[in-house]
Protein backbone atom coordinates (compact mmCIF):
# COMPACT_ATOMS: atom_id res chain seq x y z
CA UNK A 1 -0.05 0.23 -0.06
CA UNK A 2 1.36 3.60 -0.98
CA UNK A 3 1.82 5.98 1.98
CA UNK A 4 0.39 9.18 1.63
CA UNK A 5 1.89 12.63 2.46
CA UNK A 6 0.29 13.90 5.63
CA UNK A 7 0.78 17.70 4.15
CA UNK A 8 -1.14 17.80 1.03
CA UNK A 9 -2.62 13.55 0.86
CA UNK A 10 -0.59 12.67 -2.07
CA UNK A 11 1.29 9.59 -2.78
CA UNK A 12 4.79 9.88 -1.71
CA UNK A 13 6.03 9.55 -5.19
CA UNK A 14 4.11 12.23 -6.40
CA UNK A 15 4.49 14.71 -3.28
CA UNK A 16 5.78 18.22 -4.13
CA UNK A 17 5.62 19.56 -1.04
CA UNK A 18 9.48 19.59 -0.36
CA UNK A 19 9.75 21.86 -3.43
CA UNK A 20 7.13 24.06 -2.54
CA UNK A 21 8.73 24.37 0.73
CA UNK A 22 11.82 25.62 -0.70
CA UNK A 23 9.89 28.63 -2.58
CA UNK A 24 8.48 29.63 0.46
CA UNK A 25 11.27 30.22 2.76
CA UNK A 26 13.17 33.55 2.99
CA UNK A 27 16.86 32.68 3.06
CA UNK A 28 19.23 35.15 4.05
CA UNK A 29 22.69 35.60 3.14
CA UNK A 30 25.19 37.56 5.17
CA UNK A 31 29.11 38.09 6.24
CA UNK A 32 30.08 37.05 9.73
CA UNK A 33 33.42 37.58 11.23
CA UNK A 34 34.48 34.83 14.10
CA UNK A 35 37.35 34.75 16.35
CA UNK A 36 40.61 35.76 14.86
CA UNK A 37 39.06 37.92 12.17
CA UNK A 38 37.74 34.64 10.57
CA UNK A 39 35.35 35.58 7.90
CA UNK A 40 32.54 33.39 7.34
CA UNK A 41 29.56 32.93 5.09
CA UNK A 42 26.19 32.52 7.42
CA UNK A 43 22.63 31.51 5.43
CA UNK A 44 19.42 31.75 7.27
CA UNK A 45 16.23 30.82 7.31
CA UNK A 46 16.21 27.33 6.14
CA UNK A 47 13.70 24.83 8.17
CA UNK A 48 15.65 21.51 9.16
CA UNK A 49 12.73 19.72 9.15
CA UNK A 50 11.42 20.96 5.48
CA UNK A 51 14.90 20.88 3.61
CA UNK A 52 17.50 18.64 4.07
CA UNK A 53 20.40 20.74 4.91
CA UNK A 54 22.93 18.75 5.61
CA UNK A 55 22.74 17.43 1.97
CA UNK A 56 22.70 21.06 1.11
CA UNK A 57 25.66 21.96 3.33
CA UNK A 58 27.94 18.69 1.67
CA UNK A 59 26.75 20.31 -2.11
CA UNK A 60 27.98 23.60 -1.17
CA UNK A 61 31.33 22.38 0.66
CA UNK A 62 32.15 19.97 -2.47
CA UNK A 63 31.30 23.35 -4.45
CA UNK A 64 33.43 26.10 -2.30
CA UNK A 65 35.80 23.49 -1.41
CA UNK A 66 35.58 24.74 2.21
CA UNK A 67 34.65 23.93 5.97
CA UNK A 68 31.42 24.19 6.69
CA UNK A 69 28.22 23.10 10.04
CA UNK A 70 24.90 23.46 10.46
CA UNK A 71 22.92 24.25 13.44
CA UNK A 72 19.66 25.60 14.40
CA UNK A 73 18.30 26.02 11.04
CA UNK A 74 21.29 27.85 9.31
CA UNK A 75 24.51 26.84 7.46
CA UNK A 76 28.18 28.00 8.36
CA UNK A 77 30.39 27.92 5.27
CA UNK A 78 34.06 29.41 6.14
CA UNK A 79 35.27 32.19 3.74
CA UNK A 80 32.76 34.75 2.15
CA UNK A 81 31.40 33.50 -0.74
CA UNK A 82 27.90 36.10 -0.67
CA UNK A 83 29.08 37.19 -4.42
CA UNK A 84 27.81 33.28 -6.29
CA UNK A 85 26.07 32.24 -2.98
CA UNK A 86 22.40 33.26 -4.67
CA UNK A 87 22.96 31.79 -7.70
CA UNK A 88 24.34 28.11 -6.39
CA UNK A 89 21.14 28.07 -4.06
CA UNK A 90 19.03 28.50 -7.36
CA UNK A 91 20.71 26.08 -8.80
CA UNK A 92 20.22 23.58 -5.79
CA UNK A 93 16.12 24.56 -6.03
CA UNK A 94 15.56 27.47 -4.04
CA UNK A 95 13.38 30.34 -5.47
CA UNK A 96 15.73 33.24 -6.44
CA UNK A 97 13.13 35.88 -5.08
CA UNK A 98 13.39 34.26 -1.51
CA UNK A 99 17.20 34.53 -1.16
CA UNK A 100 18.03 37.77 0.10
CA UNK A 101 22.50 39.15 0.33
CA UNK A 102 23.86 41.13 2.92
């Protein structure tokens, strides 16, 4: 028997809730300075229940060849990647209108 999604009521193979949730998030990308004047890129506004933060983090770390971590619905990457981060997140399926760069 097919498993039914609790949100939309469709079978899991037809469920589009994950894609819809990626479009509805308000994502903020900003530069943060940590100890010893180390700079990092902070991506806030991602809901860990709706998005696969670990999968997104590993894709971003692979693309930018840097270290990073996920905690409390945000992703932190080492280094300043604000210039190209918006394009990368759009390629990963997030809506361009919901991404704001500071």
